């Protein structure tokens, strides 16, 4: 049987500081003051990824059983489940903007697509809805969002750039070539991703100017 899993407020931050504390001694005092404030049971599933809403006190949790859960953390010591929506695939990673969550994952089956990109309307966390799913040609390893741009990695192809200003009809406006992009961070005018050329190649950090989304410029 699958045991229930929990989301811990502040646990990830504490672990991050604990890992880097040995290297960055200045963070030792911060690591000691960061502690788990509360936990909330997210049900019988494996939590794959979380994303923090940029404005609202909400955390979105993507699970292995095809669920996206919204957790209200307005009171960090008393997180509450705000809503759940079923998506038609196993969720791997998620990102969000102020009104939507974006999810990548896969599902078994025979057909053209096994890997998927989904868009969830989170305007009302208690009644979230899936507004669009799109088949992907390759394995998605990472996703990030900033404003109306969503970045989806595609193993062996690069990083796709999606305009989601119309969430029910997103547009693929570009692809940044890369071998194996594994992590993405996005901001309004720039985005960064790691790339590993070849199986044993050194990991590279790539910086991209996205201030003009239709004319992306790789800076480094």
C-alpha atoms as a PDB file:
ATOM      1  CA  UNK A   1       0.000   0.000   0.000  1.00  0.00           C
ATOM      2  CA  UNK A   2       1.028   3.599  -0.530  1.00  0.00           C
ATOM      3  CA  UNK A   3       1.544   5.557   2.656  1.00  0.00           C
ATOM      4  CA  UNK A   4       0.243   9.116   3.010  1.00  0.00           C
ATOM      5  CA  UNK A   5       2.829  11.800   2.467  1.00  0.00           C
ATOM      6  CA  UNK A   6       3.127  15.228   4.013  1.00  0.00           C
ATOM      7  CA  UNK A   7       4.176  18.697   2.985  1.00  0.00           C
ATOM      8  CA  UNK A   8       6.288  20.423   5.600  1.00  0.00           C
ATOM      9  CA  UNK A   9       6.335  24.203   5.786  1.00  0.00           C
ATOM     10  CA  UNK A  10       9.958  25.394   5.848  1.00  0.00           C
ATOM     11  CA  UNK A  11      11.473  21.882   5.638  1.00  0.00           C
ATOM     12  CA  UNK A  12      13.024  22.445   2.201  1.00  0.00           C
ATOM     13  CA  UNK A  13      14.583  25.732   3.247  1.00  0.00           C
ATOM     14  CA  UNK A  14      16.060  24.116   6.326  1.00  0.00           C
ATOM     15  CA  UNK A  15      17.550  21.266   4.303  1.00  0.00           C
ATOM     16  CA  UNK A  16      19.007  23.694   1.771  1.00  0.00           C
ATOM     17  CA  UNK A  17      20.770  25.699   4.450  1.00  0.00           C
ATOM     18  CA  UNK A  18      21.944  22.514   6.140  1.00  0.00           C
ATOM     19  CA  UNK A  19      23.540  21.313   2.903  1.00  0.00           C
ATOM     20  CA  UNK A  20      25.322  24.558   2.139  1.00  0.00           C
ATOM     21  CA  UNK A  21      26.139  25.447   5.735  1.00  0.00           C
ATOM     22  CA  UNK A  22      29.432  23.554   5.597  1.00  0.00           C
ATOM     23  CA  UNK A  23      30.513  25.641   2.613  1.00  0.00           C
ATOM     24  CA  UNK A  24      28.946  28.961   3.540  1.00  0.00           C
ATOM     25  CA  UNK A  25      29.657  29.381   7.214  1.00  0.00           C
ATOM     26  CA  UNK A  26      27.728  32.665   7.226  1.00  0.00           C
ATOM     27  CA  UNK A  27      24.520  30.674   6.817  1.00  0.00           C
ATOM     28  CA  UNK A  28      25.075  28.585   9.962  1.00  0.00           C
ATOM     29  CA  UNK A  29      23.071  30.894  12.215  1.00  0.00           C
ATOM     30  CA  UNK A  30      20.246  31.015   9.680  1.00  0.00           C
ATOM     31  CA  UNK A  31      20.175  27.224   9.393  1.00  0.00           C
ATOM     32  CA  UNK A  32      19.864  26.899  13.141  1.00  0.00           C
ATOM     33  CA  UNK A  33      16.847  29.217  13.296  1.00  0.00           C
ATOM     34  CA  UNK A  34      14.971  27.580  10.401  1.00  0.00           C
ATOM     35  CA  UNK A  35      12.707  24.764  11.529  1.00  0.00           C
ATOM     36  CA  UNK A  36       9.638  22.866  10.398  1.00  0.00           C
ATOM     37  CA  UNK A  37       6.638  24.876  11.542  1.00  0.00           C
ATOM     38  CA  UNK A  38       3.884  22.484  10.526  1.00  0.00           C
ATOM     39  CA  UNK A  39       2.998  19.511   8.351  1.00  0.00           C
ATOM     40  CA  UNK A  40      -0.083  18.707   6.318  1.00  0.00           C
ATOM     41  CA  UNK A  41      -1.117  15.310   5.002  1.00  0.00           C
ATOM     42  CA  UNK A  42      -1.409  15.420   1.203  1.00  0.00           C
ATOM     43  CA  UNK A  43      -2.943  11.959   0.833  1.00  0.00           C
ATOM     44  CA  UNK A  44      -1.849   8.525  -0.469  1.00  0.00           C
ATOM     45  CA  UNK A  45       0.542   9.693  -3.161  1.00  0.00           C
ATOM     46  CA  UNK A  46       4.151  10.561  -3.779  1.00  0.00           C
ATOM     47  CA  UNK A  47       4.690  14.319  -3.888  1.00  0.00           C
ATOM     48  CA  UNK A  48       6.868  15.078  -6.897  1.00  0.00           C
ATOM     49  CA  UNK A  49       7.129  18.859  -6.871  1.00  0.00           C
ATOM     50  CA  UNK A  50       5.881  22.030  -5.209  1.00  0.00           C
ATOM     51  CA  UNK A  51       5.501  25.604  -6.452  1.00  0.00           C
ATOM     52  CA  UNK A  52       4.888  28.783  -4.473  1.00  0.00           C
ATOM     53  CA  UNK A  53       2.301  31.232  -5.796  1.00  0.00           C
ATOM     54  CA  UNK A  54       4.074  34.575  -6.467  1.00  0.00           C
ATOM     55  CA  UNK A  55       1.335  36.653  -4.789  1.00  0.00           C
ATOM     56  CA  UNK A  56      -1.088  34.497  -2.846  1.00  0.00           C
ATOM     57  CA  UNK A  57      -0.199  32.449   0.260  1.00  0.00           C
ATOM     58  CA  UNK A  58      -0.613  29.201  -1.654  1.00  0.00           C
ATOM     59  CA  UNK A  59       1.650  26.237  -2.354  1.00  0.00           C
ATOM     60  CA  UNK A  60       0.773  23.905  -5.231  1.00  0.00           C
ATOM     61  CA  UNK A  61       1.766  20.257  -4.846  1.00  0.00           C
ATOM     62  CA  UNK A  62       2.023  17.904  -7.846  1.00  0.00           C
ATOM     63  CA  UNK A  63       1.611  14.206  -7.028  1.00  0.00           C
ATOM     64  CA  UNK A  64       2.427  10.904  -8.683  1.00  0.00           C
ATOM     65  CA  UNK A  65      -1.256   9.956  -8.823  1.00  0.00           C
ATOM     66  CA  UNK A  66      -2.171  12.776 -11.195  1.00  0.00           C
ATOM     67  CA  UNK A  67      -3.264  15.372  -8.682  1.00  0.00           C
ATOM     68  CA  UNK A  68      -2.478  19.017  -8.124  1.00  0.00           C
ATOM     69  CA  UNK A  69      -3.275  20.153  -4.607  1.00  0.00           C
ATOM     70  CA  UNK A  70      -3.458  23.741  -3.355  1.00  0.00           C
ATOM     71  CA  UNK A  71      -2.304  24.295   0.216  1.00  0.00           C
ATOM     72  CA  UNK A  72      -3.153  27.541   2.013  1.00  0.00           C
ATOM     73  CA  UNK A  73      -0.117  28.676   4.051  1.00  0.00           C
ATOM     74  CA  UNK A  74      -1.447  32.079   5.112  1.00  0.00           C
ATOM     75  CA  UNK A  75      -0.956  30.800   8.658  1.00  0.00           C
ATOM     76  CA  UNK A  76       2.343  28.889   8.378  1.00  0.00           C
ATOM     77  CA  UNK A  77       1.781  26.988  11.608  1.00  0.00           C
ATOM     78  CA  UNK A  78      -1.652  25.822  10.413  1.00  0.00           C
ATOM     79  CA  UNK A  79      -1.558  24.998   6.681  1.00  0.00           C
ATOM     80  CA  UNK A  80      -4.887  23.866   5.241  1.00  0.00           C
ATOM     81  CA  UNK A  81      -5.910  22.050   2.082  1.00  0.00           C
ATOM     82  CA  UNK A  82      -7.552  24.607  -0.202  1.00  0.00           C
ATOM     83  CA  UNK A  83      -8.412  22.399  -3.170  1.00  0.00           C
ATOM     84  CA  UNK A  84      -7.512  19.486  -5.446  1.00  0.00           C
ATOM     85  CA  UNK A  85      -7.785  18.884  -9.173  1.00  0.00           C
ATOM     86  CA  UNK A  86      -7.220  15.685 -11.145  1.00  0.00           C
ATOM     87  CA  UNK A  87      -4.926  15.907 -14.165  1.00  0.00           C
ATOM     88  CA  UNK A  88      -4.797  13.195 -16.852  1.00  0.00           C
ATOM     89  CA  UNK A  89      -1.178  12.178 -16.279  1.00  0.00           C
ATOM     90  CA  UNK A  90       1.419  11.431 -13.615  1.00  0.00           C
ATOM     91  CA  UNK A  91       2.688  14.834 -12.483  1.00  0.00           C
ATOM     92  CA  UNK A  92       6.462  15.265 -12.287  1.00  0.00           C
ATOM     93  CA  UNK A  93       7.108  18.983 -11.864  1.00  0.00           C
ATOM     94  CA  UNK A  94       5.015  22.110 -11.436  1.00  0.00           C
ATOM     95  CA  UNK A  95       5.358  25.890 -11.628  1.00  0.00           C
ATOM     96  CA  UNK A  96       2.830  28.696 -11.334  1.00  0.00           C
ATOM     97  CA  UNK A  97       1.975  32.333 -11.936  1.00  0.00           C
ATOM     98  CA  UNK A  98      -0.697  34.375 -10.183  1.00  0.00           C
ATOM     99  CA  UNK A  99      -3.628  32.567 -11.811  1.00  0.00           C
ATOM    100  CA  UNK A 100      -2.484  29.201 -13.186  1.00  0.00           C
ATOM    101  CA  UNK A 101      -0.363  26.181 -12.337  1.00  0.00           C
ATOM    102  CA  UNK A 102       1.686  24.494 -15.056  1.00  0.00           C
ATOM    103  CA  UNK A 103       2.495  20.805 -14.832  1.00  0.00           C
ATOM    104  CA  UNK A 104       4.682  18.398 -16.771  1.00  0.00           C
ATOM    105  CA  UNK A 105       4.576  14.626 -16.577  1.00  0.00           C
ATOM    106  CA  UNK A 106       3.817  11.368 -18.365  1.00  0.00           C
ATOM    107  CA  UNK A 107       1.242   8.639 -18.699  1.00  0.00           C
ATOM    108  CA  UNK A 108       1.433   5.076 -19.953  1.00  0.00           C
ATOM    109  CA  UNK A 109      -0.177   4.076 -23.196  1.00  0.00           C
ATOM    110  CA  UNK A 110       0.343   3.612 -26.885  1.00  0.00           C
ATOM    111  CA  UNK A 111       0.201   6.684 -29.057  1.00  0.00           C
ATOM    112  CA  UNK A 112       2.097   9.656 -30.381  1.00  0.00           C
ATOM    113  CA  UNK A 113       2.608  11.301 -26.991  1.00  0.00           C
ATOM    114  CA  UNK A 114       3.540   9.886 -23.580  1.00  0.00           C
ATOM    115  CA  UNK A 115       4.777  13.140 -22.094  1.00  0.00           C
ATOM    116  CA  UNK A 116       2.499  16.055 -21.348  1.00  0.00           C
ATOM    117  CA  UNK A 117       2.266  19.720 -20.419  1.00  0.00           C
ATOM    118  CA  UNK A 118      -0.884  20.732 -18.556  1.00  0.00           C
ATOM    119  CA  UNK A 119      -2.381  24.079 -17.535  1.00  0.00           C
ATOM    120  CA  UNK A 120      -4.597  24.393 -14.459  1.00  0.00           C
ATOM    121  CA  UNK A 121      -6.747  27.434 -13.656  1.00  0.00           C
ATOM    122  CA  UNK A 122      -6.082  28.209  -9.986  1.00  0.00           C
ATOM    123  CA  UNK A 123      -8.074  31.449  -9.775  1.00  0.00           C
ATOM    124  CA  UNK A 124     -10.366  29.726  -7.294  1.00  0.00           C
ATOM    125  CA  UNK A 125      -8.239  27.141  -5.438  1.00  0.00           C
ATOM    126  CA  UNK A 126     -11.363  25.384  -4.194  1.00  0.00           C
ATOM    127  CA  UNK A 127     -12.543  24.769  -7.776  1.00  0.00           C
ATOM    128  CA  UNK A 128      -9.422  24.386  -9.896  1.00  0.00           C
ATOM    129  CA  UNK A 129      -9.875  23.180 -13.475  1.00  0.00           C
ATOM    130  CA  UNK A 130      -7.599  21.761 -16.160  1.00  0.00           C
ATOM    131  CA  UNK A 131      -7.943  24.125 -19.109  1.00  0.00           C
ATOM    132  CA  UNK A 132      -5.442  22.571 -21.528  1.00  0.00           C
ATOM    133  CA  UNK A 133      -3.128  19.577 -21.990  1.00  0.00           C
ATOM    134  CA  UNK A 134      -0.486  19.401 -24.715  1.00  0.00           C
ATOM    135  CA  UNK A 135       1.541  16.406 -25.850  1.00  0.00           C
ATOM    136  CA  UNK A 136       5.317  16.828 -25.775  1.00  0.00           C
ATOM    137  CA  UNK A 137       7.766  15.229 -28.201  1.00  0.00           C
ATOM    138  CA  UNK A 138      10.430  14.395 -25.591  1.00  0.00           C
ATOM    139  CA  UNK A 139      10.982  13.854 -21.871  1.00  0.00           C
ATOM    140  CA  UNK A 140      10.355  17.021 -19.821  1.00  0.00           C
ATOM    141  CA  UNK A 141      12.803  17.371 -16.939  1.00  0.00           C
ATOM    142  CA  UNK A 142      12.032  20.898 -15.701  1.00  0.00           C
ATOM    143  CA  UNK A 143       9.502  23.704 -15.864  1.00  0.00           C
ATOM    144  CA  UNK A 144       9.461  27.343 -14.744  1.00  0.00           C
ATOM    145  CA  UNK A 145       7.077  30.271 -15.132  1.00  0.00           C
ATOM    146  CA  UNK A 146       7.348  34.042 -15.039  1.00  0.00           C
ATOM    147  CA  UNK A 147       4.373  36.171 -15.928  1.00  0.00           C
ATOM    148  CA  UNK A 148       2.863  34.877 -19.170  1.00  0.00           C
ATOM    149  CA  UNK A 149       5.923  32.871 -20.198  1.00  0.00           C
ATOM    150  CA  UNK A 150       6.406  29.218 -19.295  1.00  0.00           C
ATOM    151  CA  UNK A 151       9.646  27.335 -19.961  1.00  0.00           C
ATOM    152  CA  UNK A 152       9.544  23.572 -20.488  1.00  0.00           C
ATOM    153  CA  UNK A 153      12.699  21.507 -20.906  1.00  0.00           C
ATOM    154  CA  UNK A 154      12.760  18.837 -23.586  1.00  0.00           C
ATOM    155  CA  UNK A 155      15.525  16.251 -23.303  1.00  0.00           C
ATOM    156  CA  UNK A 156      17.622  16.255 -26.461  1.00  0.00           C
ATOM    157  CA  UNK A 157      15.731  19.203 -27.947  1.00  0.00           C
ATOM    158  CA  UNK A 158      16.149  22.221 -25.676  1.00  0.00           C
ATOM    159  CA  UNK A 159      13.909  24.531 -23.662  1.00  0.00           C
ATOM    160  CA  UNK A 160      10.511  25.368 -25.102  1.00  0.00           C
ATOM    161  CA  UNK A 161       9.118  28.866 -24.506  1.00  0.00           C
ATOM    162  CA  UNK A 162       5.325  29.039 -24.232  1.00  0.00           C
ATOM    163  CA  UNK A 163       3.188  32.175 -24.250  1.00  0.00           C
ATOM    164  CA  UNK A 164       0.296  31.417 -21.889  1.00  0.00           C
ATOM    165  CA  UNK A 165      -1.390  34.824 -21.981  1.00  0.00           C
ATOM    166  CA  UNK A 166      -4.367  32.853 -23.335  1.00  0.00           C
ATOM    167  CA  UNK A 167      -4.181  29.739 -21.139  1.00  0.00           C
ATOM    168  CA  UNK A 168      -6.767  27.765 -23.104  1.00  0.00           C
ATOM    169  CA  UNK A 169      -4.715  28.264 -26.275  1.00  0.00           C
ATOM    170  CA  UNK A 170      -1.005  28.620 -25.398  1.00  0.00           C
ATOM    171  CA  UNK A 171       1.479  29.372 -28.160  1.00  0.00           C
ATOM    172  CA  UNK A 172       4.917  27.842 -28.582  1.00  0.00           C
ATOM    173  CA  UNK A 173       6.957  30.926 -29.502  1.00  0.00           C
ATOM    174  CA  UNK A 174      10.456  29.512 -29.463  1.00  0.00           C
ATOM    175  CA  UNK A 175      12.900  26.786 -28.481  1.00  0.00           C
ATOM    176  CA  UNK A 176      16.343  27.384 -27.004  1.00  0.00           C
ATOM    177  CA  UNK A 177      18.676  24.610 -28.226  1.00  0.00           C
ATOM    178  CA  UNK A 178      20.168  22.435 -25.476  1.00  0.00           C
ATOM    179  CA  UNK A 179      21.201  18.820 -24.984  1.00  0.00           C
ATOM    180  CA  UNK A 180      19.794  17.967 -21.586  1.00  0.00           C
ATOM    181  CA  UNK A 181      18.314  20.922 -19.667  1.00  0.00           C
ATOM    182  CA  UNK A 182      17.696  19.733 -16.112  1.00  0.00           C
ATOM    183  CA  UNK A 183      16.764  22.839 -14.109  1.00  0.00           C
ATOM    184  CA  UNK A 184      15.226  26.209 -15.002  1.00  0.00           C
ATOM    185  CA  UNK A 185      14.853  29.509 -13.147  1.00  0.00           C
ATOM    186  CA  UNK A 186      12.810  32.316 -14.727  1.00  0.00           C
ATOM    187  CA  UNK A 187      12.498  36.038 -14.094  1.00  0.00           C
ATOM    188  CA  UNK A 188      10.664  38.741 -16.111  1.00  0.00           C
ATOM    189  CA  UNK A 189      13.609  39.635 -18.382  1.00  0.00           C
ATOM    190  CA  UNK A 190      16.011  36.698 -17.981  1.00  0.00           C
ATOM    191  CA  UNK A 191      15.977  32.977 -17.483  1.00  0.00           C
ATOM    192  CA  UNK A 192      18.668  30.462 -16.632  1.00  0.00           C
ATOM    193  CA  UNK A 193      18.943  26.726 -17.142  1.00  0.00           C
ATOM    194  CA  UNK A 194      21.523  24.024 -16.610  1.00  0.00           C
ATOM    195  CA  UNK A 195      22.576  21.887 -19.551  1.00  0.00           C
ATOM    196  CA  UNK A 196      24.652  18.738 -19.663  1.00  0.00           C
ATOM    197  CA  UNK A 197      26.022  18.072 -23.166  1.00  0.00           C
ATOM    198  CA  UNK A 198      26.562  14.339 -23.531  1.00  0.00           C
ATOM    199  CA  UNK A 199      26.288  11.635 -20.896  1.00  0.00           C
ATOM    200  CA  UNK A 200      29.545  12.592 -19.177  1.00  0.00           C
ATOM    201  CA  UNK A 201      29.779  16.257 -20.128  1.00  0.00           C
ATOM    202  CA  UNK A 202      30.289  19.018 -17.590  1.00  0.00           C
ATOM    203  CA  UNK A 203      27.105  20.800 -16.525  1.00  0.00           C
ATOM    204  CA  UNK A 204      26.829  24.309 -17.929  1.00  0.00           C
ATOM    205  CA  UNK A 205      24.759  27.276 -16.765  1.00  0.00           C
ATOM    206  CA  UNK A 206      23.056  29.066 -19.645  1.00  0.00           C
ATOM    207  CA  UNK A 207      21.673  32.614 -19.316  1.00  0.00           C
ATOM    208  CA  UNK A 208      19.047  33.879 -21.762  1.00  0.00           C
ATOM    209  CA  UNK A 209      17.641  37.377 -22.338  1.00  0.00           C
ATOM    210  CA  UNK A 210      13.853  36.979 -22.637  1.00  0.00           C
ATOM    211  CA  UNK A 211      12.948  40.671 -22.524  1.00  0.00           C
ATOM    212  CA  UNK A 212      11.807  40.256 -26.160  1.00  0.00           C
ATOM    213  CA  UNK A 213      10.193  36.807 -26.124  1.00  0.00           C
ATOM    214  CA  UNK A 214      10.014  36.600 -29.909  1.00  0.00           C
ATOM    215  CA  UNK A 215      13.754  37.314 -30.147  1.00  0.00           C
ATOM    216  CA  UNK A 216      15.475  35.268 -27.444  1.00  0.00           C
ATOM    217  CA  UNK A 217      19.186  35.942 -26.912  1.00  0.00           C
ATOM    218  CA  UNK A 218      21.582  33.498 -25.248  1.00  0.00           C
ATOM    219  CA  UNK A 219      23.968  35.622 -23.142  1.00  0.00           C
ATOM    220  CA  UNK A 220      26.268  32.967 -21.728  1.00  0.00           C
END
